[in-house]
Each structure stands twice: as structure tokens, then as C-alpha cells.
Amino acid sequence: ALRRRGIVGWSLTICTLPVYWVLI
């Protein structure tokens, strides 16, 4: 989804998905 928006990288952000889900 990010690549389709022209965003590359953000590996650390993607790695923190499980933590973000805890907040949800």
C-alpha cells in the first residue's frame, strides 16, 4: 500500500505494527 502511494522504507514503522495493534 505504501509503495502505491510512492512511500518507500518505513521498515521500523512496519515492525511496530504489533505494538500499534495493542493500542487498538
PDBML (XML) file of the C-alpha atoms, coordinates in Angstrom:
<?xml version="1.0" encoding="UTF-8" ?>
<PDBx:datablock datablockName="MODEL"
   xmlns:PDBx="http://pdbml.pdb.org/schema/pdbx-v50.xsd"
   xmlns:xsi="http://www.w3.org/2001/XMLSchema-instance"
   xsi:schemaLocation="http://pdbml.pdb.org/schema/pdbx-v50.xsd pdbx-v50.xsd">
   <PDBx:atom_siteCategory>
      <PDBx:atom_site id="1">
         <PDBx:B_iso_or_equiv>0.00</PDBx:B_iso_or_equiv>
         <PDBx:Cartn_x>0.000</PDBx:Cartn_x>
         <PDBx:Cartn_y>0.000</PDBx:Cartn_y>
         <PDBx:Cartn_z>0.000</PDBx:Cartn_z>
         <PDBx:auth_asym_id>A</PDBx:auth_asym_id>
         <PDBx:auth_atom_id>CA</PDBx:auth_atom_id>
         <PDBx:auth_comp_id>ALA</PDBx:auth_comp_id>
         <PDBx:auth_seq_id>1</PDBx:auth_seq_id>
         <PDBx:group_PDB>ATOM</PDBx:group_PDB>
         <PDBx:label_alt_id xsi:nil="true" />
         <PDBx:label_asym_id>A</PDBx:label_asym_id>
         <PDBx:label_atom_id>CA</PDBx:label_atom_id>
         <PDBx:label_comp_id>ALA</PDBx:label_comp_id>
         <PDBx:label_entity_id>1</PDBx:label_entity_id>
         <PDBx:label_seq_id>1</PDBx:label_seq_id>
         <PDBx:occupancy>1.00</PDBx:occupancy>
         <PDBx:pdbx_PDB_model_num>1</PDBx:pdbx_PDB_model_num>
         <PDBx:type_symbol>C</PDBx:type_symbol>
      </PDBx:atom_site>
      <PDBx:atom_site id="2">
         <PDBx:B_iso_or_equiv>0.00</PDBx:B_iso_or_equiv>
         <PDBx:Cartn_x>2.821</PDBx:Cartn_x>
         <PDBx:Cartn_y>2.415</PDBx:Cartn_y>
         <PDBx:Cartn_z>0.819</PDBx:Cartn_z>
         <PDBx:auth_asym_id>A</PDBx:auth_asym_id>
         <PDBx:auth_atom_id>CA</PDBx:auth_atom_id>
         <PDBx:auth_comp_id>LEU</PDBx:auth_comp_id>
         <PDBx:auth_seq_id>2</PDBx:auth_seq_id>
         <PDBx:group_PDB>ATOM</PDBx:group_PDB>
         <PDBx:label_alt_id xsi:nil="true" />
         <PDBx:label_asym_id>A</PDBx:label_asym_id>
         <PDBx:label_atom_id>CA</PDBx:label_atom_id>
         <PDBx:label_comp_id>LEU</PDBx:label_comp_id>
         <PDBx:label_entity_id>1</PDBx:label_entity_id>
         <PDBx:label_seq_id>2</PDBx:label_seq_id>
         <PDBx:occupancy>1.00</PDBx:occupancy>
         <PDBx:pdbx_PDB_model_num>1</PDBx:pdbx_PDB_model_num>
         <PDBx:type_symbol>C</PDBx:type_symbol>
      </PDBx:atom_site>
      <PDBx:atom_site id="3">
         <PDBx:B_iso_or_equiv>0.00</PDBx:B_iso_or_equiv>
         <PDBx:Cartn_x>4.617</PDBx:Cartn_x>
         <PDBx:Cartn_y>1.738</PDBx:Cartn_y>
         <PDBx:Cartn_z>-2.462</PDBx:Cartn_z>
         <PDBx:auth_asym_id>A</PDBx:auth_asym_id>
         <PDBx:auth_atom_id>CA</PDBx:auth_atom_id>
         <PDBx:auth_comp_id>ARG</PDBx:auth_comp_id>
         <PDBx:auth_seq_id>3</PDBx:auth_seq_id>
         <PDBx:group_PDB>ATOM</PDBx:group_PDB>
         <PDBx:label_alt_id xsi:nil="true" />
         <PDBx:label_asym_id>A</PDBx:label_asym_id>
         <PDBx:label_atom_id>CA</PDBx:label_atom_id>
         <PDBx:label_comp_id>ARG</PDBx:label_comp_id>
         <PDBx:label_entity_id>1</PDBx:label_entity_id>
         <PDBx:label_seq_id>3</PDBx:label_seq_id>
         <PDBx:occupancy>1.00</PDBx:occupancy>
         <PDBx:pdbx_PDB_model_num>1</PDBx:pdbx_PDB_model_num>
         <PDBx:type_symbol>C</PDBx:type_symbol>
      </PDBx:atom_site>
      <PDBx:atom_site id="4">
         <PDBx:B_iso_or_equiv>0.00</PDBx:B_iso_or_equiv>
         <PDBx:Cartn_x>1.437</PDBx:Cartn_x>
         <PDBx:Cartn_y>2.551</PDBx:Cartn_y>
         <PDBx:Cartn_z>-4.364</PDBx:Cartn_z>
         <PDBx:auth_asym_id>A</PDBx:auth_asym_id>
         <PDBx:auth_atom_id>CA</PDBx:auth_atom_id>
         <PDBx:auth_comp_id>ARG</PDBx:auth_comp_id>
         <PDBx:auth_seq_id>4</PDBx:auth_seq_id>
         <PDBx:group_PDB>ATOM</PDBx:group_PDB>
         <PDBx:label_alt_id xsi:nil="true" />
         <PDBx:label_asym_id>A</PDBx:label_asym_id>
         <PDBx:label_atom_id>CA</PDBx:label_atom_id>
         <PDBx:label_comp_id>ARG</PDBx:label_comp_id>
         <PDBx:label_entity_id>1</PDBx:label_entity_id>
         <PDBx:label_seq_id>4</PDBx:label_seq_id>
         <PDBx:occupancy>1.00</PDBx:occupancy>
         <PDBx:pdbx_PDB_model_num>1</PDBx:pdbx_PDB_model_num>
         <PDBx:type_symbol>C</PDBx:type_symbol>
      </PDBx:atom_site>
      <PDBx:atom_site id="5">
         <PDBx:B_iso_or_equiv>0.00</PDBx:B_iso_or_equiv>
         <PDBx:Cartn_x>1.481</PDBx:Cartn_x>
         <PDBx:Cartn_y>5.896</PDBx:Cartn_y>
         <PDBx:Cartn_z>-2.588</PDBx:Cartn_z>
         <PDBx:auth_asym_id>A</PDBx:auth_asym_id>
         <PDBx:auth_atom_id>CA</PDBx:auth_atom_id>
         <PDBx:auth_comp_id>ARG</PDBx:auth_comp_id>
         <PDBx:auth_seq_id>5</PDBx:auth_seq_id>
         <PDBx:group_PDB>ATOM</PDBx:group_PDB>
         <PDBx:label_alt_id xsi:nil="true" />
         <PDBx:label_asym_id>A</PDBx:label_asym_id>
         <PDBx:label_atom_id>CA</PDBx:label_atom_id>
         <PDBx:label_comp_id>ARG</PDBx:label_comp_id>
         <PDBx:label_entity_id>1</PDBx:label_entity_id>
         <PDBx:label_seq_id>5</PDBx:label_seq_id>
         <PDBx:occupancy>1.00</PDBx:occupancy>
         <PDBx:pdbx_PDB_model_num>1</PDBx:pdbx_PDB_model_num>
         <PDBx:type_symbol>C</PDBx:type_symbol>
      </PDBx:atom_site>
      <PDBx:atom_site id="6">
         <PDBx:B_iso_or_equiv>0.00</PDBx:B_iso_or_equiv>
         <PDBx:Cartn_x>5.123</PDBx:Cartn_x>
         <PDBx:Cartn_y>6.429</PDBx:Cartn_y>
         <PDBx:Cartn_z>-3.513</PDBx:Cartn_z>
         <PDBx:auth_asym_id>A</PDBx:auth_asym_id>
         <PDBx:auth_atom_id>CA</PDBx:auth_atom_id>
         <PDBx:auth_comp_id>GLY</PDBx:auth_comp_id>
         <PDBx:auth_seq_id>6</PDBx:auth_seq_id>
         <PDBx:group_PDB>ATOM</PDBx:group_PDB>
         <PDBx:label_alt_id xsi:nil="true" />
         <PDBx:label_asym_id>A</PDBx:label_asym_id>
         <PDBx:label_atom_id>CA</PDBx:label_atom_id>
         <PDBx:label_comp_id>GLY</PDBx:label_comp_id>
         <PDBx:label_entity_id>1</PDBx:label_entity_id>
         <PDBx:label_seq_id>6</PDBx:label_seq_id>
         <PDBx:occupancy>1.00</PDBx:occupancy>
         <PDBx:pdbx_PDB_model_num>1</PDBx:pdbx_PDB_model_num>
         <PDBx:type_symbol>C</PDBx:type_symbol>
      </PDBx:atom_site>
      <PDBx:atom_site id="7">
         <PDBx:B_iso_or_equiv>0.00</PDBx:B_iso_or_equiv>
         <PDBx:Cartn_x>6.433</PDBx:Cartn_x>
         <PDBx:Cartn_y>5.815</PDBx:Cartn_y>
         <PDBx:Cartn_z>0.003</PDBx:Cartn_z>
         <PDBx:auth_asym_id>A</PDBx:auth_asym_id>
         <PDBx:auth_atom_id>CA</PDBx:auth_atom_id>
         <PDBx:auth_comp_id>ILE</PDBx:auth_comp_id>
         <PDBx:auth_seq_id>7</PDBx:auth_seq_id>
         <PDBx:group_PDB>ATOM</PDBx:group_PDB>
         <PDBx:label_alt_id xsi:nil="true" />
         <PDBx:label_asym_id>A</PDBx:label_asym_id>
         <PDBx:label_atom_id>CA</PDBx:label_atom_id>
         <PDBx:label_comp_id>ILE</PDBx:label_comp_id>
         <PDBx:label_entity_id>1</PDBx:label_entity_id>
         <PDBx:label_seq_id>7</PDBx:label_seq_id>
         <PDBx:occupancy>1.00</PDBx:occupancy>
         <PDBx:pdbx_PDB_model_num>1</PDBx:pdbx_PDB_model_num>
         <PDBx:type_symbol>C</PDBx:type_symbol>
      </PDBx:atom_site>
      <PDBx:atom_site id="8">
         <PDBx:B_iso_or_equiv>0.00</PDBx:B_iso_or_equiv>
         <PDBx:Cartn_x>9.450</PDBx:Cartn_x>
         <PDBx:Cartn_y>3.548</PDBx:Cartn_y>
         <PDBx:Cartn_z>0.434</PDBx:Cartn_z>
         <PDBx:auth_asym_id>A</PDBx:auth_asym_id>
         <PDBx:auth_atom_id>CA</PDBx:auth_atom_id>
         <PDBx:auth_comp_id>VAL</PDBx:auth_comp_id>
         <PDBx:auth_seq_id>8</PDBx:auth_seq_id>
         <PDBx:group_PDB>ATOM</PDBx:group_PDB>
         <PDBx:label_alt_id xsi:nil="true" />
         <PDBx:label_asym_id>A</PDBx:label_asym_id>
         <PDBx:label_atom_id>CA</PDBx:label_atom_id>
         <PDBx:label_comp_id>VAL</PDBx:label_comp_id>
         <PDBx:label_entity_id>1</PDBx:label_entity_id>
         <PDBx:label_seq_id>8</PDBx:label_seq_id>
         <PDBx:occupancy>1.00</PDBx:occupancy>
         <PDBx:pdbx_PDB_model_num>1</PDBx:pdbx_PDB_model_num>
         <PDBx:type_symbol>C</PDBx:type_symbol>
      </PDBx:atom_site>
      <PDBx:atom_site id="9">
         <PDBx:B_iso_or_equiv>0.00</PDBx:B_iso_or_equiv>
         <PDBx:Cartn_x>11.297</PDBx:Cartn_x>
         <PDBx:Cartn_y>2.472</PDBx:Cartn_y>
         <PDBx:Cartn_z>3.546</PDBx:Cartn_z>
         <PDBx:auth_asym_id>A</PDBx:auth_asym_id>
         <PDBx:auth_atom_id>CA</PDBx:auth_atom_id>
         <PDBx:auth_comp_id>GLY</PDBx:auth_comp_id>
         <PDBx:auth_seq_id>9</PDBx:auth_seq_id>
         <PDBx:group_PDB>ATOM</PDBx:group_PDB>
         <PDBx:label_alt_id xsi:nil="true" />
         <PDBx:label_asym_id>A</PDBx:label_asym_id>
         <PDBx:label_atom_id>CA</PDBx:label_atom_id>
         <PDBx:label_comp_id>GLY</PDBx:label_comp_id>
         <PDBx:label_entity_id>1</PDBx:label_entity_id>
         <PDBx:label_seq_id>9</PDBx:label_seq_id>
         <PDBx:occupancy>1.00</PDBx:occupancy>
         <PDBx:pdbx_PDB_model_num>1</PDBx:pdbx_PDB_model_num>
         <PDBx:type_symbol>C</PDBx:type_symbol>
      </PDBx:atom_site>
      <PDBx:atom_site id="10">
         <PDBx:B_iso_or_equiv>0.00</PDBx:B_iso_or_equiv>
         <PDBx:Cartn_x>9.448</PDBx:Cartn_x>
         <PDBx:Cartn_y>2.811</PDBx:Cartn_y>
         <PDBx:Cartn_z>6.836</PDBx:Cartn_z>
         <PDBx:auth_asym_id>A</PDBx:auth_asym_id>
         <PDBx:auth_atom_id>CA</PDBx:auth_atom_id>
         <PDBx:auth_comp_id>TRP</PDBx:auth_comp_id>
         <PDBx:auth_seq_id>10</PDBx:auth_seq_id>
         <PDBx:group_PDB>ATOM</PDBx:group_PDB>
         <PDBx:label_alt_id xsi:nil="true" />
         <PDBx:label_asym_id>A</PDBx:label_asym_id>
         <PDBx:label_atom_id>CA</PDBx:label_atom_id>
         <PDBx:label_comp_id>TRP</PDBx:label_comp_id>
         <PDBx:label_entity_id>1</PDBx:label_entity_id>
         <PDBx:label_seq_id>10</PDBx:label_seq_id>
         <PDBx:occupancy>1.00</PDBx:occupancy>
         <PDBx:pdbx_PDB_model_num>1</PDBx:pdbx_PDB_model_num>
         <PDBx:type_symbol>C</PDBx:type_symbol>
      </PDBx:atom_site>
      <PDBx:atom_site id="11">
         <PDBx:B_iso_or_equiv>0.00</PDBx:B_iso_or_equiv>
         <PDBx:Cartn_x>10.753</PDBx:Cartn_x>
         <PDBx:Cartn_y>-0.608</PDBx:Cartn_y>
         <PDBx:Cartn_z>7.904</PDBx:Cartn_z>
         <PDBx:auth_asym_id>A</PDBx:auth_asym_id>
         <PDBx:auth_atom_id>CA</PDBx:auth_atom_id>
         <PDBx:auth_comp_id>SER</PDBx:auth_comp_id>
         <PDBx:auth_seq_id>11</PDBx:auth_seq_id>
         <PDBx:group_PDB>ATOM</PDBx:group_PDB>
         <PDBx:label_alt_id xsi:nil="true" />
         <PDBx:label_asym_id>A</PDBx:label_asym_id>
         <PDBx:label_atom_id>CA</PDBx:label_atom_id>
         <PDBx:label_comp_id>SER</PDBx:label_comp_id>
         <PDBx:label_entity_id>1</PDBx:label_entity_id>
         <PDBx:label_seq_id>11</PDBx:label_seq_id>
         <PDBx:occupancy>1.00</PDBx:occupancy>
         <PDBx:pdbx_PDB_model_num>1</PDBx:pdbx_PDB_model_num>
         <PDBx:type_symbol>C</PDBx:type_symbol>
      </PDBx:atom_site>
      <PDBx:atom_site id="12">
         <PDBx:B_iso_or_equiv>0.00</PDBx:B_iso_or_equiv>
         <PDBx:Cartn_x>10.791</PDBx:Cartn_x>
         <PDBx:Cartn_y>0.349</PDBx:Cartn_y>
         <PDBx:Cartn_z>11.577</PDBx:Cartn_z>
         <PDBx:auth_asym_id>A</PDBx:auth_asym_id>
         <PDBx:auth_atom_id>CA</PDBx:auth_atom_id>
         <PDBx:auth_comp_id>LEU</PDBx:auth_comp_id>
         <PDBx:auth_seq_id>12</PDBx:auth_seq_id>
         <PDBx:group_PDB>ATOM</PDBx:group_PDB>
         <PDBx:label_alt_id xsi:nil="true" />
         <PDBx:label_asym_id>A</PDBx:label_asym_id>
         <PDBx:label_atom_id>CA</PDBx:label_atom_id>
         <PDBx:label_comp_id>LEU</PDBx:label_comp_id>
         <PDBx:label_entity_id>1</PDBx:label_entity_id>
         <PDBx:label_seq_id>12</PDBx:label_seq_id>
         <PDBx:occupancy>1.00</PDBx:occupancy>
         <PDBx:pdbx_PDB_model_num>1</PDBx:pdbx_PDB_model_num>
         <PDBx:type_symbol>C</PDBx:type_symbol>
      </PDBx:atom_site>
      <PDBx:atom_site id="13">
         <PDBx:B_iso_or_equiv>0.00</PDBx:B_iso_or_equiv>
         <PDBx:Cartn_x>7.213</PDBx:Cartn_x>
         <PDBx:Cartn_y>1.593</PDBx:Cartn_y>
         <PDBx:Cartn_z>11.353</PDBx:Cartn_z>
         <PDBx:auth_asym_id>A</PDBx:auth_asym_id>
         <PDBx:auth_atom_id>CA</PDBx:auth_atom_id>
         <PDBx:auth_comp_id>THR</PDBx:auth_comp_id>
         <PDBx:auth_seq_id>13</PDBx:auth_seq_id>
         <PDBx:group_PDB>ATOM</PDBx:group_PDB>
         <PDBx:label_alt_id xsi:nil="true" />
         <PDBx:label_asym_id>A</PDBx:label_asym_id>
         <PDBx:label_atom_id>CA</PDBx:label_atom_id>
         <PDBx:label_comp_id>THR</PDBx:label_comp_id>
         <PDBx:label_entity_id>1</PDBx:label_entity_id>
         <PDBx:label_seq_id>13</PDBx:label_seq_id>
         <PDBx:occupancy>1.00</PDBx:occupancy>
         <PDBx:pdbx_PDB_model_num>1</PDBx:pdbx_PDB_model_num>
         <PDBx:type_symbol>C</PDBx:type_symbol>
      </PDBx:atom_site>
      <PDBx:atom_site id="14">
         <PDBx:B_iso_or_equiv>0.00</PDBx:B_iso_or_equiv>
         <PDBx:Cartn_x>6.064</PDBx:Cartn_x>
         <PDBx:Cartn_y>-1.675</PDBx:Cartn_y>
         <PDBx:Cartn_z>9.806</PDBx:Cartn_z>
         <PDBx:auth_asym_id>A</PDBx:auth_asym_id>
         <PDBx:auth_atom_id>CA</PDBx:auth_atom_id>
         <PDBx:auth_comp_id>ILE</PDBx:auth_comp_id>
         <PDBx:auth_seq_id>14</PDBx:auth_seq_id>
         <PDBx:group_PDB>ATOM</PDBx:group_PDB>
         <PDBx:label_alt_id xsi:nil="true" />
         <PDBx:label_asym_id>A</PDBx:label_asym_id>
         <PDBx:label_atom_id>CA</PDBx:label_atom_id>
         <PDBx:label_comp_id>ILE</PDBx:label_comp_id>
         <PDBx:label_entity_id>1</PDBx:label_entity_id>
         <PDBx:label_seq_id>14</PDBx:label_seq_id>
         <PDBx:occupancy>1.00</PDBx:occupancy>
         <PDBx:pdbx_PDB_model_num>1</PDBx:pdbx_PDB_model_num>
         <PDBx:type_symbol>C</PDBx:type_symbol>
      </PDBx:atom_site>
      <PDBx:atom_site id="15">
         <PDBx:B_iso_or_equiv>0.00</PDBx:B_iso_or_equiv>
         <PDBx:Cartn_x>7.934</PDBx:Cartn_x>
         <PDBx:Cartn_y>-3.621</PDBx:Cartn_y>
         <PDBx:Cartn_z>12.510</PDBx:Cartn_z>
         <PDBx:auth_asym_id>A</PDBx:auth_asym_id>
         <PDBx:auth_atom_id>CA</PDBx:auth_atom_id>
         <PDBx:auth_comp_id>CYS</PDBx:auth_comp_id>
         <PDBx:auth_seq_id>15</PDBx:auth_seq_id>
         <PDBx:group_PDB>ATOM</PDBx:group_PDB>
         <PDBx:label_alt_id xsi:nil="true" />
         <PDBx:label_asym_id>A</PDBx:label_asym_id>
         <PDBx:label_atom_id>CA</PDBx:label_atom_id>
         <PDBx:label_comp_id>CYS</PDBx:label_comp_id>
         <PDBx:label_entity_id>1</PDBx:label_entity_id>
         <PDBx:label_seq_id>15</PDBx:label_seq_id>
         <PDBx:occupancy>1.00</PDBx:occupancy>
         <PDBx:pdbx_PDB_model_num>1</PDBx:pdbx_PDB_model_num>
         <PDBx:type_symbol>C</PDBx:type_symbol>
      </PDBx:atom_site>
      <PDBx:atom_site id="16">
         <PDBx:B_iso_or_equiv>0.00</PDBx:B_iso_or_equiv>
         <PDBx:Cartn_x>5.971</PDBx:Cartn_x>
         <PDBx:Cartn_y>-1.779</PDBx:Cartn_y>
         <PDBx:Cartn_z>15.198</PDBx:Cartn_z>
         <PDBx:auth_asym_id>A</PDBx:auth_asym_id>
         <PDBx:auth_atom_id>CA</PDBx:auth_atom_id>
         <PDBx:auth_comp_id>THR</PDBx:auth_comp_id>
         <PDBx:auth_seq_id>16</PDBx:auth_seq_id>
         <PDBx:group_PDB>ATOM</PDBx:group_PDB>
         <PDBx:label_alt_id xsi:nil="true" />
         <PDBx:label_asym_id>A</PDBx:label_asym_id>
         <PDBx:label_atom_id>CA</PDBx:label_atom_id>
         <PDBx:label_comp_id>THR</PDBx:label_comp_id>
         <PDBx:label_entity_id>1</PDBx:label_entity_id>
         <PDBx:label_seq_id>16</PDBx:label_seq_id>
         <PDBx:occupancy>1.00</PDBx:occupancy>
         <PDBx:pdbx_PDB_model_num>1</PDBx:pdbx_PDB_model_num>
         <PDBx:type_symbol>C</PDBx:type_symbol>
      </PDBx:atom_site>
      <PDBx:atom_site id="17">
         <PDBx:B_iso_or_equiv>0.00</PDBx:B_iso_or_equiv>
         <PDBx:Cartn_x>2.612</PDBx:Cartn_x>
         <PDBx:Cartn_y>-2.889</PDBx:Cartn_y>
         <PDBx:Cartn_z>13.806</PDBx:Cartn_z>
         <PDBx:auth_asym_id>A</PDBx:auth_asym_id>
         <PDBx:auth_atom_id>CA</PDBx:auth_atom_id>
         <PDBx:auth_comp_id>LEU</PDBx:auth_comp_id>
         <PDBx:auth_seq_id>17</PDBx:auth_seq_id>
         <PDBx:group_PDB>ATOM</PDBx:group_PDB>
         <PDBx:label_alt_id xsi:nil="true" />
         <PDBx:label_asym_id>A</PDBx:label_asym_id>
         <PDBx:label_atom_id>CA</PDBx:label_atom_id>
         <PDBx:label_comp_id>LEU</PDBx:label_comp_id>
         <PDBx:label_entity_id>1</PDBx:label_entity_id>
         <PDBx:label_seq_id>17</PDBx:label_seq_id>
         <PDBx:occupancy>1.00</PDBx:occupancy>
         <PDBx:pdbx_PDB_model_num>1</PDBx:pdbx_PDB_model_num>
         <PDBx:type_symbol>C</PDBx:type_symbol>
      </PDBx:atom_site>
      <PDBx:atom_site id="18">
         <PDBx:B_iso_or_equiv>0.00</PDBx:B_iso_or_equiv>
         <PDBx:Cartn_x>2.116</PDBx:Cartn_x>
         <PDBx:Cartn_y>-5.450</PDBx:Cartn_y>
         <PDBx:Cartn_z>16.641</PDBx:Cartn_z>
         <PDBx:auth_asym_id>A</PDBx:auth_asym_id>
         <PDBx:auth_atom_id>CA</PDBx:auth_atom_id>
         <PDBx:auth_comp_id>PRO</PDBx:auth_comp_id>
         <PDBx:auth_seq_id>18</PDBx:auth_seq_id>
         <PDBx:group_PDB>ATOM</PDBx:group_PDB>
         <PDBx:label_alt_id xsi:nil="true" />
         <PDBx:label_asym_id>A</PDBx:label_asym_id>
         <PDBx:label_atom_id>CA</PDBx:label_atom_id>
         <PDBx:label_comp_id>PRO</PDBx:label_comp_id>
         <PDBx:label_entity_id>1</PDBx:label_entity_id>
         <PDBx:label_seq_id>18</PDBx:label_seq_id>
         <PDBx:occupancy>1.00</PDBx:occupancy>
         <PDBx:pdbx_PDB_model_num>1</PDBx:pdbx_PDB_model_num>
         <PDBx:type_symbol>C</PDBx:type_symbol>
      </PDBx:atom_site>
      <PDBx:atom_site id="19">
         <PDBx:B_iso_or_equiv>0.00</PDBx:B_iso_or_equiv>
         <PDBx:Cartn_x>2.631</PDBx:Cartn_x>
         <PDBx:Cartn_y>-2.704</PDBx:Cartn_y>
         <PDBx:Cartn_z>19.226</PDBx:Cartn_z>
         <PDBx:auth_asym_id>A</PDBx:auth_asym_id>
         <PDBx:auth_atom_id>CA</PDBx:auth_atom_id>
         <PDBx:auth_comp_id>VAL</PDBx:auth_comp_id>
         <PDBx:auth_seq_id>19</PDBx:auth_seq_id>
         <PDBx:group_PDB>ATOM</PDBx:group_PDB>
         <PDBx:label_alt_id xsi:nil="true" />
         <PDBx:label_asym_id>A</PDBx:label_asym_id>
         <PDBx:label_atom_id>CA</PDBx:label_atom_id>
         <PDBx:label_comp_id>VAL</PDBx:label_comp_id>
         <PDBx:label_entity_id>1</PDBx:label_entity_id>
         <PDBx:label_seq_id>19</PDBx:label_seq_id>
         <PDBx:occupancy>1.00</PDBx:occupancy>
         <PDBx:pdbx_PDB_model_num>1</PDBx:pdbx_PDB_model_num>
         <PDBx:type_symbol>C</PDBx:type_symbol>
      </PDBx:atom_site>
      <PDBx:atom_site id="20">
         <PDBx:B_iso_or_equiv>0.00</PDBx:B_iso_or_equiv>
         <PDBx:Cartn_x>0.198</PDBx:Cartn_x>
         <PDBx:Cartn_y>-0.435</PDBx:Cartn_y>
         <PDBx:Cartn_z>17.402</PDBx:Cartn_z>
         <PDBx:auth_asym_id>A</PDBx:auth_asym_id>
         <PDBx:auth_atom_id>CA</PDBx:auth_atom_id>
         <PDBx:auth_comp_id>TYR</PDBx:auth_comp_id>
         <PDBx:auth_seq_id>20</PDBx:auth_seq_id>
         <PDBx:group_PDB>ATOM</PDBx:group_PDB>
         <PDBx:label_alt_id xsi:nil="true" />
         <PDBx:label_asym_id>A</PDBx:label_asym_id>
         <PDBx:label_atom_id>CA</PDBx:label_atom_id>
         <PDBx:label_comp_id>TYR</PDBx:label_comp_id>
         <PDBx:label_entity_id>1</PDBx:label_entity_id>
         <PDBx:label_seq_id>20</PDBx:label_seq_id>
         <PDBx:occupancy>1.00</PDBx:occupancy>
         <PDBx:pdbx_PDB_model_num>1</PDBx:pdbx_PDB_model_num>
         <PDBx:type_symbol>C</PDBx:type_symbol>
      </PDBx:atom_site>
      <PDBx:atom_site id="21">
         <PDBx:B_iso_or_equiv>0.00</PDBx:B_iso_or_equiv>
         <PDBx:Cartn_x>-2.387</PDBx:Cartn_x>
         <PDBx:Cartn_y>-3.213</PDBx:Cartn_y>
         <PDBx:Cartn_z>17.485</PDBx:Cartn_z>
         <PDBx:auth_asym_id>A</PDBx:auth_asym_id>
         <PDBx:auth_atom_id>CA</PDBx:auth_atom_id>
         <PDBx:auth_comp_id>TRP</PDBx:auth_comp_id>
         <PDBx:auth_seq_id>21</PDBx:auth_seq_id>
         <PDBx:group_PDB>ATOM</PDBx:group_PDB>
         <PDBx:label_alt_id xsi:nil="true" />
         <PDBx:label_asym_id>A</PDBx:label_asym_id>
         <PDBx:label_atom_id>CA</PDBx:label_atom_id>
         <PDBx:label_comp_id>TRP</PDBx:label_comp_id>
         <PDBx:label_entity_id>1</PDBx:label_entity_id>
         <PDBx:label_seq_id>21</PDBx:label_seq_id>
         <PDBx:occupancy>1.00</PDBx:occupancy>
         <PDBx:pdbx_PDB_model_num>1</PDBx:pdbx_PDB_model_num>
         <PDBx:type_symbol>C</PDBx:type_symbol>
      </PDBx:atom_site>
      <PDBx:atom_site id="22">
         <PDBx:B_iso_or_equiv>0.00</PDBx:B_iso_or_equiv>
         <PDBx:Cartn_x>-2.092</PDBx:Cartn_x>
         <PDBx:Cartn_y>-3.312</PDBx:Cartn_y>
         <PDBx:Cartn_z>21.273</PDBx:Cartn_z>
         <PDBx:auth_asym_id>A</PDBx:auth_asym_id>
         <PDBx:auth_atom_id>CA</PDBx:auth_atom_id>
         <PDBx:auth_comp_id>VAL</PDBx:auth_comp_id>
         <PDBx:auth_seq_id>22</PDBx:auth_seq_id>
         <PDBx:group_PDB>ATOM</PDBx:group_PDB>
         <PDBx:label_alt_id xsi:nil="true" />
         <PDBx:label_asym_id>A</PDBx:label_asym_id>
         <PDBx:label_atom_id>CA</PDBx:label_atom_id>
         <PDBx:label_comp_id>VAL</PDBx:label_comp_id>
         <PDBx:label_entity_id>1</PDBx:label_entity_id>
         <PDBx:label_seq_id>22</PDBx:label_seq_id>
         <PDBx:occupancy>1.00</PDBx:occupancy>
         <PDBx:pdbx_PDB_model_num>1</PDBx:pdbx_PDB_model_num>
         <PDBx:type_symbol>C</PDBx:type_symbol>
      </PDBx:atom_site>
      <PDBx:atom_site id="23">
         <PDBx:B_iso_or_equiv>0.00</PDBx:B_iso_or_equiv>
         <PDBx:Cartn_x>-3.174</PDBx:Cartn_x>
         <PDBx:Cartn_y>0.337</PDBx:Cartn_y>
         <PDBx:Cartn_z>21.327</PDBx:Cartn_z>
         <PDBx:auth_asym_id>A</PDBx:auth_asym_id>
         <PDBx:auth_atom_id>CA</PDBx:auth_atom_id>
         <PDBx:auth_comp_id>LEU</PDBx:auth_comp_id>
         <PDBx:auth_seq_id>23</PDBx:auth_seq_id>
         <PDBx:group_PDB>ATOM</PDBx:group_PDB>
         <PDBx:label_alt_id xsi:nil="true" />
         <PDBx:label_asym_id>A</PDBx:label_asym_id>
         <PDBx:label_atom_id>CA</PDBx:label_atom_id>
         <PDBx:label_comp_id>LEU</PDBx:label_comp_id>
         <PDBx:label_entity_id>1</PDBx:label_entity_id>
         <PDBx:label_seq_id>23</PDBx:label_seq_id>
         <PDBx:occupancy>1.00</PDBx:occupancy>
         <PDBx:pdbx_PDB_model_num>1</PDBx:pdbx_PDB_model_num>
         <PDBx:type_symbol>C</PDBx:type_symbol>
      </PDBx:atom_site>
      <PDBx:atom_site id="24">
         <PDBx:B_iso_or_equiv>0.00</PDBx:B_iso_or_equiv>
         <PDBx:Cartn_x>-6.120</PDBx:Cartn_x>
         <PDBx:Cartn_y>-0.531</PDBx:Cartn_y>
         <PDBx:Cartn_z>19.095</PDBx:Cartn_z>
         <PDBx:auth_asym_id>A</PDBx:auth_asym_id>
         <PDBx:auth_atom_id>CA</PDBx:auth_atom_id>
         <PDBx:auth_comp_id>ILE</PDBx:auth_comp_id>
         <PDBx:auth_seq_id>24</PDBx:auth_seq_id>
         <PDBx:group_PDB>ATOM</PDBx:group_PDB>
         <PDBx:label_alt_id xsi:nil="true" />
         <PDBx:label_asym_id>A</PDBx:label_asym_id>
         <PDBx:label_atom_id>CA</PDBx:label_atom_id>
         <PDBx:label_comp_id>ILE</PDBx:label_comp_id>
         <PDBx:label_entity_id>1</PDBx:label_entity_id>
         <PDBx:label_seq_id>24</PDBx:label_seq_id>
         <PDBx:occupancy>1.00</PDBx:occupancy>
         <PDBx:pdbx_PDB_model_num>1</PDBx:pdbx_PDB_model_num>
         <PDBx:type_symbol>C</PDBx:type_symbol>
      </PDBx:atom_site>
   </PDBx:atom_siteCategory>
</PDBx:datablock>
